[in-house]
Protein backbone atom coordinates (compact mmCIF):
# COMPACT_ATOMS: atom_id res chain seq x y z
CA MET A 1 -111.03 -118.15 71.70
CA VAL A 2 -113.10 -114.95 72.03
CA GLU A 3 -112.54 -111.65 73.81
CA ILE A 4 -114.94 -110.88 76.66
CA VAL A 5 -115.27 -107.84 78.89
CA VAL A 6 -116.42 -108.76 82.39
CA ALA A 7 -118.26 -105.65 83.60
CA ILE A 8 -118.78 -105.06 87.31
CA PRO A 9 -120.80 -102.20 88.84
CA THR A 10 -119.81 -101.41 92.42
CA PHE A 11 -120.82 -99.00 95.15
CA LYS A 12 -119.33 -99.01 98.66
CA ARG A 13 -118.86 -102.79 98.86
CA PRO A 14 -115.08 -103.29 98.77
CA LYS A 15 -115.14 -106.57 100.73
CA ALA A 16 -117.69 -108.12 98.41
CA LEU A 17 -115.84 -106.80 95.36
CA ALA A 18 -112.59 -108.34 96.60
CA ARG A 19 -114.33 -111.72 96.91
CA LEU A 20 -115.69 -111.41 93.37
CA LEU A 21 -112.33 -110.44 91.89
CA ALA A 22 -110.69 -113.40 93.63
CA ALA A 23 -113.33 -115.76 92.19
CA LEU A 24 -112.80 -114.38 88.68
CA GLU A 25 -109.14 -115.39 88.88
CA LYS A 26 -110.30 -119.01 89.29
CA LEU A 27 -112.40 -119.10 86.12
CA ASP A 28 -111.94 -122.16 83.92
CA THR A 29 -111.72 -120.50 80.51
CA GLU A 30 -109.37 -120.16 77.57
CA ASP A 31 -111.01 -116.95 76.35
CA LYS A 32 -109.34 -113.55 76.54
CA LEU A 33 -110.81 -111.56 79.43
CA ILE A 34 -110.71 -107.90 80.38
CA VAL A 35 -112.25 -106.96 83.73
CA VAL A 36 -113.82 -103.50 83.88
CA VAL A 37 -114.97 -102.21 87.28
CA ALA A 38 -117.08 -99.04 87.43
CA ASP A 39 -117.08 -97.48 90.91
CA ASN A 40 -120.18 -95.37 91.53
CA ASP A 41 -118.69 -93.86 94.71
CA ALA A 42 -116.90 -90.89 93.18
CA THR A 43 -115.83 -89.62 96.62
CA GLY A 44 -114.72 -92.72 98.54
CA ARG A 45 -113.45 -94.69 95.51
CA GLY A 46 -113.08 -97.88 97.53
CA GLY A 47 -113.66 -100.17 94.57
CA TYR A 48 -111.46 -98.14 92.25
CA ASP A 49 -108.59 -98.08 94.78
CA LEU A 50 -108.91 -101.83 95.39
CA CYS A 51 -108.49 -102.52 91.68
CA ARG A 52 -105.53 -100.17 91.41
CA SER A 53 -103.85 -101.93 94.34
CA LEU A 54 -104.09 -105.30 92.57
CA GLY A 55 -102.32 -103.92 89.52
CA ALA A 56 -100.17 -106.22 87.39
CA ASP A 57 -100.46 -109.09 89.89
CA TYR A 58 -104.06 -109.76 88.84
CA ARG A 59 -104.67 -112.63 86.41
CA TRP A 60 -106.65 -110.53 83.90
CA PRO A 61 -106.18 -106.98 82.61
CA LEU A 62 -108.06 -104.87 85.19
CA ASP A 63 -109.57 -101.57 84.07
CA PRO A 64 -111.20 -99.56 86.91
CA VAL A 65 -113.20 -96.42 86.10
CA ILE A 66 -115.24 -93.91 88.09
CA ALA A 67 -118.94 -93.53 87.25
CA GLU A 68 -119.49 -89.95 88.36
CA ASP A 69 -123.29 -89.79 88.05
CA ARG A 70 -125.05 -91.62 90.87
CA GLY A 71 -127.38 -94.47 89.98
CA ILE A 72 -127.44 -98.13 88.97
CA ALA A 73 -128.50 -97.29 85.39
CA GLN A 74 -125.72 -94.73 85.06
CA VAL A 75 -123.00 -97.08 86.25
CA ARG A 76 -124.20 -99.80 83.87
CA ASN A 77 -124.04 -97.30 81.01
CA VAL A 78 -120.46 -96.40 81.91
CA LEU A 79 -119.60 -100.10 81.84
CA VAL A 80 -121.16 -100.64 78.41
CA ALA A 81 -119.44 -97.60 76.92
CA ARG A 82 -116.10 -98.73 78.32
CA ALA A 83 -116.61 -102.30 77.11
CA LEU A 84 -117.47 -101.21 73.57
CA ALA A 85 -114.26 -99.18 73.49
CA TYR A 86 -112.45 -102.54 73.32
CA SER A 87 -112.90 -103.13 69.59
CA GLY A 88 -112.12 -106.85 69.81
CA ALA A 89 -114.64 -107.63 72.54
CA GLN A 90 -117.44 -109.86 71.25
CA TYR A 91 -119.31 -110.14 74.55
CA VAL A 92 -119.99 -108.15 77.71
CA ALA A 93 -120.59 -110.27 80.82
CA MET A 94 -122.16 -108.37 83.72
CA ILE A 95 -121.99 -109.62 87.28
CA ASP A 96 -122.90 -107.65 90.42
CA ASP A 97 -120.31 -106.82 93.06
CA ASP A 98 -122.09 -108.85 95.78
CA GLU A 99 -121.95 -112.05 93.71
CA TRP A 100 -119.23 -114.51 92.79
CA PRO A 101 -119.13 -117.02 89.91
CA SER A 102 -118.51 -120.73 89.72
CA PRO A 103 -115.34 -121.69 87.79
CA GLU A 104 -117.53 -122.78 84.83
CA TRP A 105 -119.62 -119.57 84.85
CA LEU A 106 -118.31 -117.73 81.82
CA ARG A 107 -117.68 -120.84 79.75
CA GLU A 108 -121.32 -121.90 80.16
CA LEU A 109 -122.70 -118.46 79.31
CA VAL A 110 -120.69 -118.43 76.08
CA ARG A 111 -121.60 -122.03 75.25
CA VAL A 112 -125.34 -121.42 75.57
CA GLN A 113 -125.12 -118.17 73.59
CA ALA A 114 -123.35 -119.98 70.76
CA LYS A 115 -125.88 -122.82 70.84
CA THR A 116 -129.02 -120.64 70.92
CA GLY A 117 -127.89 -117.48 69.12
CA ALA A 118 -129.46 -115.44 71.94
CA ASP A 119 -128.67 -111.73 72.22
CA VAL A 120 -128.63 -111.95 76.02
CA VAL A 121 -128.05 -115.04 78.19
CA GLU A 122 -128.76 -115.10 81.92
CA GLY A 123 -127.25 -117.54 84.38
CA SER A 124 -128.80 -118.92 87.54
CA ILE A 125 -128.07 -117.24 90.87
CA LEU A 126 -128.08 -119.18 94.15
CA PHE A 127 -128.71 -117.26 97.37
CA GLU A 128 -126.79 -118.54 100.38
CA GLY A 129 -128.08 -118.02 103.90
CA ALA A 130 -131.77 -117.37 103.17
CA HIS A 131 -134.08 -119.23 105.54
CA GLY A 132 -137.70 -119.43 106.61
CA HIS A 133 -140.19 -117.18 104.83
CA ALA A 134 -137.36 -115.14 103.27
CA ALA A 135 -136.32 -118.04 101.04
CA SER A 136 -139.41 -117.55 98.84
CA PHE A 137 -139.26 -113.76 98.45
CA ASP A 138 -138.09 -111.82 95.39
CA GLY A 139 -134.53 -110.60 95.81
CA VAL A 140 -133.44 -113.34 98.24
CA SER A 141 -134.69 -116.56 96.62
CA ASP A 142 -132.77 -118.67 94.11
CA MET A 143 -133.16 -117.66 90.46
CA ARG A 144 -133.07 -120.87 88.41
CA ARG A 145 -134.53 -122.08 85.11
CA PRO A 146 -133.77 -124.97 82.77
CA THR A 147 -131.08 -124.25 80.19
CA GLY A 148 -132.37 -123.07 76.82
CA PRO A 149 -134.30 -120.26 75.10
CA VAL A 150 -136.67 -118.21 77.27
CA ALA A 151 -139.19 -115.47 76.53
CA MET A 152 -137.81 -112.95 79.06
CA LEU A 153 -135.02 -112.58 81.62
CA GLU A 154 -135.11 -111.58 85.30
CA GLY A 155 -132.19 -109.27 86.05
CA ALA A 156 -128.73 -108.07 85.05
CA GLY A 157 -126.82 -109.61 87.95
CA ASN A 158 -125.49 -112.53 85.88
CA ILE A 159 -125.78 -111.99 82.13
CA LEU A 160 -123.84 -112.21 78.87
CA ILE A 161 -124.69 -109.66 76.15
CA THR A 162 -123.45 -109.84 72.58
CA ARG A 163 -121.68 -106.82 71.14
CA ALA A 164 -124.10 -106.82 68.21
CA CYS A 165 -127.02 -106.48 70.62
CA LEU A 166 -125.52 -103.42 72.31
CA GLU A 167 -124.54 -101.80 69.02
CA LYS A 168 -128.09 -102.22 67.73
CA LEU A 169 -129.44 -100.09 70.61
CA THR A 170 -128.85 -96.38 71.08
CA ALA A 171 -127.23 -94.96 74.19
CA PRO A 172 -128.09 -94.76 77.01
CA TRP A 173 -128.57 -98.50 77.02
CA PHE A 174 -130.04 -98.43 80.55
CA ASP A 175 -132.64 -95.74 81.19
CA PRO A 176 -131.37 -93.16 83.76
CA ALA A 177 -134.98 -92.70 84.92
CA PHE A 178 -134.46 -95.95 86.86
CA ALA A 179 -131.24 -94.69 88.48
CA LEU A 180 -132.18 -95.24 92.12
CA SER A 181 -135.37 -97.27 91.81
CA GLY A 182 -134.02 -100.34 90.05
CA GLY A 183 -135.83 -101.91 87.13
CA GLU A 184 -133.27 -100.57 84.66
CA ASP A 185 -132.39 -104.16 83.73
CA ARG A 186 -135.97 -105.21 83.00
CA ASP A 187 -136.44 -102.07 80.95
CA PHE A 188 -133.24 -102.92 79.03
CA PHE A 189 -134.61 -106.39 78.28
CA ALA A 190 -137.85 -104.82 77.04
CA ARG A 191 -135.80 -102.67 74.63
CA VAL A 192 -133.86 -105.71 73.43
CA GLU A 193 -137.11 -107.59 72.83
CA ALA A 194 -138.60 -104.61 70.95
CA SER A 195 -135.50 -104.54 68.70
CA GLY A 196 -136.07 -108.18 67.73
CA GLY A 197 -133.65 -109.67 70.24
CA HIS A 198 -133.90 -113.11 71.81
CA PHE A 199 -132.99 -114.53 75.22
CA ALA A 200 -131.68 -117.74 76.74
CA TRP A 201 -130.94 -119.13 80.18
CA THR A 202 -128.12 -121.32 81.45
CA ASP A 203 -128.57 -123.14 84.73
CA GLU A 204 -124.92 -124.24 84.57
CA GLY A 205 -123.61 -120.65 84.37
CA LEU A 206 -123.91 -120.30 88.11
CA ALA A 207 -123.25 -117.31 90.31
CA TYR A 208 -123.71 -117.09 94.07
CA THR A 209 -124.60 -114.39 96.55
CA GLU A 210 -125.13 -114.10 100.30
CA VAL A 211 -128.29 -112.95 102.05
CA PRO A 212 -127.42 -111.03 105.24
CA GLU A 213 -129.82 -111.23 108.19
CA ARG A 214 -130.96 -107.61 107.77
CA ARG A 215 -132.32 -108.50 104.32
CA GLN A 216 -134.46 -111.30 105.77
CA SER A 217 -136.68 -109.22 108.01
CA LEU A 218 -140.28 -108.85 106.89
CA ALA A 219 -139.86 -105.06 106.83
CA TRP A 220 -137.00 -105.28 104.30
CA LEU A 221 -138.72 -107.97 102.23
CA PHE A 222 -141.96 -105.98 102.00
CA ARG A 223 -140.05 -102.81 101.03
CA ARG A 224 -138.31 -104.84 98.34
CA ALA A 225 -141.64 -106.18 97.04
CA TYR A 226 -143.03 -102.64 96.97
CA SER A 227 -139.97 -101.43 95.05
CA ILE A 228 -140.20 -104.23 92.47
CA GLY A 229 -143.88 -103.55 91.88
CA ASN A 230 -143.22 -99.83 91.56
CA SER A 231 -140.53 -100.24 88.89
CA GLU A 232 -142.60 -102.87 87.05
CA MET A 233 -145.50 -100.46 86.67
CA HIS A 234 -143.21 -97.62 85.54
CA ILE A 235 -141.82 -99.92 82.85
CA PHE A 236 -145.33 -100.99 81.85
CA LEU A 237 -146.45 -97.37 81.47
CA LYS A 238 -143.29 -96.31 79.63
CA TYR A 239 -144.19 -98.37 76.57
CA ARG A 240 -147.66 -96.79 76.20
CA PRO A 241 -149.81 -99.92 76.52
CA SER A 242 -153.21 -100.10 74.85
CA LEU A 243 -156.35 -99.15 76.75
CA ALA A 244 -157.29 -102.82 76.99
CA ALA A 245 -153.88 -103.72 78.45
CA ARG A 246 -154.13 -100.85 80.93
CA ALA A 247 -157.60 -101.87 82.02
CA CYS A 248 -156.47 -105.47 82.56
CA GLU A 249 -153.41 -104.43 84.58
CA TYR A 250 -155.35 -101.91 86.68
CA ALA A 251 -158.00 -104.55 87.44
CA LYS A 252 -155.35 -107.03 88.61
CA VAL A 253 -153.77 -104.41 90.87
CA THR A 254 -157.11 -103.39 92.36
CA ILE A 255 -158.14 -106.97 93.08
CA ALA A 256 -154.78 -107.76 94.70
CA ILE A 257 -154.91 -104.64 96.88
CA PHE A 258 -158.22 -105.76 98.37
CA VAL A 259 -157.84 -109.55 98.34
CA ALA A 260 -154.22 -109.96 99.54
CA PRO A 261 -154.75 -108.38 103.01
CA LEU A 262 -157.81 -110.56 103.58
CA ALA A 263 -155.77 -113.62 102.61
CA GLY A 264 -153.00 -112.47 104.96
CA LEU A 265 -155.44 -112.31 107.86
CA VAL A 266 -157.15 -115.60 107.06
CA LEU A 267 -153.79 -117.35 106.78
CA ALA A 268 -152.38 -115.83 109.97
CA LEU A 269 -151.85 -119.29 111.47
CA ALA A 270 -149.71 -120.27 108.48
CA PRO A 271 -146.92 -117.65 108.66
CA GLY A 272 -145.25 -118.57 105.36
CA ARG A 273 -148.46 -118.36 103.34
CA ALA A 274 -149.55 -115.20 105.17
CA ALA A 275 -146.21 -113.54 104.41
CA ASP A 276 -146.61 -114.40 100.74
CA ALA A 277 -150.07 -112.81 100.70
CA TRP A 278 -148.67 -109.62 102.21
CA ARG A 279 -145.80 -109.73 99.71
CA ARG A 280 -148.37 -109.62 96.91
CA PHE A 281 -150.13 -106.74 98.64
CA PHE A 282 -146.96 -104.63 98.90
CA ARG A 283 -145.90 -105.45 95.35
CA ASN A 284 -149.25 -104.20 94.06
CA ALA A 285 -149.15 -101.23 96.42
CA GLY A 286 -145.90 -100.27 94.68
CA LYS A 287 -147.67 -100.52 91.33
CA LEU A 288 -150.52 -98.35 92.59
CA ALA A 289 -148.02 -95.73 93.81
CA ALA A 290 -146.42 -95.67 90.35
CA LEU A 291 -149.79 -94.82 88.83
CA ILE A 292 -149.79 -91.53 90.73
CA GLY A 293 -146.17 -90.76 89.85
CA VAL A 294 -144.34 -92.08 92.93
CA ARG A 295 -140.92 -93.62 92.19
CA THR A 296 -138.99 -95.60 94.80
CA GLN A 297 -135.28 -95.17 95.56
CA HIS A 298 -134.22 -98.68 96.51
CA TYR A 299 -130.63 -98.06 95.35
CA ALA A 300 -130.15 -94.76 97.16
CA VAL A 301 -128.12 -96.63 99.80
CA PRO A 302 -125.75 -99.61 99.53
CA HIS A 303 -126.92 -103.08 100.58
CA GLY A 304 -123.87 -104.82 101.96
CA ASP A 305 -120.18 -104.11 102.44
């Protein structure tokens, strides 16, 4: 039996958080759990108040805190600091407030970490309700890979981090520069990799999330693609790539900016393929914007309730 802190960032989504907390009570595990919820709404405190109302009736010790400084990176840093304060905790499992786990979720994350020795393990996320062209877009399409070691991870929505990994890095673990843009998780993984860390994936450590209709419009999907591209380029530039690497990346962006719209027009009679071409255009447009210093603010507003 090991001690695990389940760390949940939340911001103005009390209904979704309540669903997640209910699902955590159904986990099939013999490990010792502590659930830490960091509410990034310092004024409304909806998530914090929800946790306080559950009190001693909740299955696991529930430790709500307020993350005063606004931003997804900041709230993740509050969670890590709080988790490390539990001296017996060997792992930190992060799951987003708009997700909910399968009963086997945590057991499978721990099993794969023990088998592979990975510093960070990510579990698959299935998106419910996505349809049509939306089902193939970043941010609303299923995230799945075969179980086992992988070169890099995709996001911090469903991950298990070892205590040793976090203690090896210096605070802040998640770069506050990505507070409202997103990309703080991919930057964190880049830091773990640079420190000699390794990654693994578990397809059995499943989490689920819903895709509301407003996140399936082309306007939202293209904004999301732009935001992802923007944060990717900021991460790329942060680590001072070589001139050759820069030239290669800039060439790929330039080609995509010119070729993707042409492909979108040519494929107009095939809406799915045309939408994918425009997705590539907006993703690379976000990268181009990053080159001139523009930074998106995808997390400036909540996405859900």
